[in-house]
Amino acid sequence: MKNELDKLRQEIDNIDNAILELLKKRSLCALSVLTNKVNATDGTPQIHCPKREQKIISRMCEINESPLDHNSITRIFKTIIEECRLLQQKKHQQKL
């Protein structure tokens, strides 16, 4: 039993590592989006795009096949989106 538990915990650790790597990729992509928005505007990009954010959340709920319900998926992705938005805001303020 302990051996099986150790294997499962190791699998969770590996999954957590993969999630962290994907969060890194997403945050770097969000910074690239910011750069593109700045270049496409007069330097004052619209960082908060509620329609786009809702579209992402709706799509994730639609394709969700995990045991997590739609409320859980919504909370998780709202947090991810909010943190990426805050990162964009911080980066943009640093450049001002």
C-alpha atoms as a PDB file:
ATOM      1  CA  MET A   1       0.000   0.000   0.000  1.00  0.00           C
ATOM      2  CA  LYS A   2       2.741   2.477   0.907  1.00  0.00           C
ATOM      3  CA  ASN A   3       4.532   1.773  -2.374  1.00  0.00           C
ATOM      4  CA  GLU A   4       1.339   2.505  -4.325  1.00  0.00           C
ATOM      5  CA  LEU A   5       0.777   5.697  -2.321  1.00  0.00           C
ATOM      6  CA  ASP A   6       4.354   6.812  -3.037  1.00  0.00           C
ATOM      7  CA  LYS A   7       3.813   6.173  -6.757  1.00  0.00           C
ATOM      8  CA  LEU A   8       0.610   8.187  -6.759  1.00  0.00           C
ATOM      9  CA  ARG A   9       2.261  11.041  -4.881  1.00  0.00           C
ATOM     10  CA  GLN A  10       5.128  11.021  -7.359  1.00  0.00           C
ATOM     11  CA  GLU A  11       2.623  11.147 -10.200  1.00  0.00           C
ATOM     12  CA  ILE A  12       0.937  14.153  -8.572  1.00  0.00           C
ATOM     13  CA  ASP A  13       4.332  15.827  -8.183  1.00  0.00           C
ATOM     14  CA  ASN A  14       5.035  15.248 -11.880  1.00  0.00           C
ATOM     15  CA  ILE A  15       1.632  16.644 -12.835  1.00  0.00           C
ATOM     16  CA  ASP A  16       2.220  19.693 -10.609  1.00  0.00           C
ATOM     17  CA  ASN A  17       5.559  20.254 -12.345  1.00  0.00           C
ATOM     18  CA  ALA A  18       3.833  20.097 -15.730  1.00  0.00           C
ATOM     19  CA  ILE A  19       1.131  22.530 -14.557  1.00  0.00           C
ATOM     20  CA  LEU A  20       3.814  24.946 -13.365  1.00  0.00           C
ATOM     21  CA  GLU A  21       5.574  24.743 -16.735  1.00  0.00           C
ATOM     22  CA  LEU A  22       2.288  25.429 -18.534  1.00  0.00           C
ATOM     23  CA  LEU A  23       1.608  28.407 -16.252  1.00  0.00           C
ATOM     24  CA  LYS A  24       5.044  29.739 -17.163  1.00  0.00           C
ATOM     25  CA  LYS A  25       4.251  29.371 -20.875  1.00  0.00           C
ATOM     26  CA  ARG A  26       0.862  31.023 -20.426  1.00  0.00           C
ATOM     27  CA  SER A  27       2.292  33.959 -18.499  1.00  0.00           C
ATOM     28  CA  LEU A  28       5.017  34.504 -21.106  1.00  0.00           C
ATOM     29  CA  CYS A  29       2.352  34.394 -23.817  1.00  0.00           C
ATOM     30  CA  ALA A  30       0.277  36.939 -21.876  1.00  0.00           C
ATOM     31  CA  LEU A  31       3.300  39.250 -21.823  1.00  0.00           C
ATOM     32  CA  SER A  32       3.646  38.837 -25.590  1.00  0.00           C
ATOM     33  CA  VAL A  33      -0.038  39.719 -25.955  1.00  0.00           C
ATOM     34  CA  LEU A  34       0.649  42.880 -23.946  1.00  0.00           C
ATOM     35  CA  THR A  35       3.532  43.819 -26.250  1.00  0.00           C
ATOM     36  CA  ASN A  36       1.312  43.326 -29.287  1.00  0.00           C
ATOM     37  CA  LYS A  37      -1.468  45.397 -27.728  1.00  0.00           C
ATOM     38  CA  VAL A  38       0.956  48.220 -26.910  1.00  0.00           C
ATOM     39  CA  ASN A  39       2.332  48.182 -30.459  1.00  0.00           C
ATOM     40  CA  ALA A  40      -1.180  48.184 -31.947  1.00  0.00           C
ATOM     41  CA  THR A  41      -2.383  51.142 -29.877  1.00  0.00           C
ATOM     42  CA  ASP A  42      -1.094  54.532 -28.837  1.00  0.00           C
ATOM     43  CA  GLY A  43       0.695  52.809 -25.952  1.00  0.00           C
ATOM     44  CA  THR A  44      -2.435  52.474 -23.822  1.00  0.00           C
ATOM     45  CA  PRO A  45      -3.619  48.905 -24.307  1.00  0.00           C
ATOM     46  CA  GLN A  46      -6.896  47.532 -23.006  1.00  0.00           C
ATOM     47  CA  ILE A  47      -5.565  44.918 -20.603  1.00  0.00           C
ATOM     48  CA  HIS A  48      -8.907  43.834 -19.170  1.00  0.00           C
ATOM     49  CA  CYS A  49     -11.084  42.194 -21.850  1.00  0.00           C
ATOM     50  CA  PRO A  50     -14.109  40.693 -20.061  1.00  0.00           C
ATOM     51  CA  LYS A  51     -15.627  39.246 -23.250  1.00  0.00           C
ATOM     52  CA  ARG A  52     -12.392  37.430 -24.112  1.00  0.00           C
ATOM     53  CA  GLU A  53     -12.041  36.177 -20.531  1.00  0.00           C
ATOM     54  CA  GLN A  54     -15.617  34.857 -20.503  1.00  0.00           C
ATOM     55  CA  LYS A  55     -15.049  33.194 -23.862  1.00  0.00           C
ATOM     56  CA  ILE A  56     -12.007  31.355 -22.455  1.00  0.00           C
ATOM     57  CA  ILE A  57     -13.907  30.210 -19.363  1.00  0.00           C
ATOM     58  CA  SER A  58     -16.910  29.085 -21.386  1.00  0.00           C
ATOM     59  CA  ARG A  59     -14.679  27.123 -23.744  1.00  0.00           C
ATOM     60  CA  MET A  60     -12.871  25.426 -20.866  1.00  0.00           C
ATOM     61  CA  CYS A  61     -16.175  24.439 -19.232  1.00  0.00           C
ATOM     62  CA  GLU A  62     -17.454  23.145 -22.552  1.00  0.00           C
ATOM     63  CA  ILE A  63     -14.475  20.854 -23.149  1.00  0.00           C
ATOM     64  CA  ASN A  64     -14.034  19.846 -19.516  1.00  0.00           C
ATOM     65  CA  GLU A  65     -14.034  16.076 -19.121  1.00  0.00           C
ATOM     66  CA  SER A  66     -12.499  15.968 -15.667  1.00  0.00           C
ATOM     67  CA  PRO A  67     -14.282  15.057 -12.434  1.00  0.00           C
ATOM     68  CA  LEU A  68     -14.143  18.766 -11.558  1.00  0.00           C
ATOM     69  CA  ASP A  69     -17.473  20.521 -12.059  1.00  0.00           C
ATOM     70  CA  HIS A  70     -17.981  23.693 -14.090  1.00  0.00           C
ATOM     71  CA  ASN A  71     -17.852  25.881 -10.971  1.00  0.00           C
ATOM     72  CA  SER A  72     -14.421  24.495 -10.104  1.00  0.00           C
ATOM     73  CA  ILE A  73     -13.141  24.962 -13.659  1.00  0.00           C
ATOM     74  CA  THR A  74     -14.508  28.506 -13.684  1.00  0.00           C
ATOM     75  CA  ARG A  75     -12.766  29.385 -10.403  1.00  0.00           C
ATOM     76  CA  ILE A  76      -9.462  27.889 -11.547  1.00  0.00           C
ATOM     77  CA  PHE A  77      -9.460  29.699 -14.884  1.00  0.00           C
ATOM     78  CA  LYS A  78     -10.667  32.983 -13.391  1.00  0.00           C
ATOM     79  CA  THR A  79      -7.662  32.852 -11.075  1.00  0.00           C
ATOM     80  CA  ILE A  80      -5.237  32.023 -13.898  1.00  0.00           C
ATOM     81  CA  ILE A  81      -6.652  34.805 -16.083  1.00  0.00           C
ATOM     82  CA  GLU A  82      -6.607  37.313 -13.230  1.00  0.00           C
ATOM     83  CA  GLU A  83      -2.984  36.541 -12.371  1.00  0.00           C
ATOM     84  CA  CYS A  84      -1.946  36.918 -16.026  1.00  0.00           C
ATOM     85  CA  ARG A  85      -3.856  40.204 -16.225  1.00  0.00           C
ATOM     86  CA  LEU A  86      -2.115  41.456 -13.076  1.00  0.00           C
ATOM     87  CA  LEU A  87       1.228  40.455 -14.587  1.00  0.00           C
ATOM     88  CA  GLN A  88       0.392  42.465 -17.727  1.00  0.00           C
ATOM     89  CA  GLN A  89      -0.621  45.483 -15.619  1.00  0.00           C
ATOM     90  CA  LYS A  90       2.602  45.344 -13.583  1.00  0.00           C
ATOM     91  CA  LYS A  91       4.747  45.005 -16.694  1.00  0.00           C
ATOM     92  CA  HIS A  92       2.948  47.867 -18.438  1.00  0.00           C
ATOM     93  CA  GLN A  93       3.301  50.144 -15.378  1.00  0.00           C
ATOM     94  CA  GLN A  94       7.039  49.384 -15.213  1.00  0.00           C
ATOM     95  CA  LYS A  95       7.424  50.632 -18.784  1.00  0.00           C
ATOM     96  CA  LEU A  96       5.644  53.945 -18.022  1.00  0.00           C
END
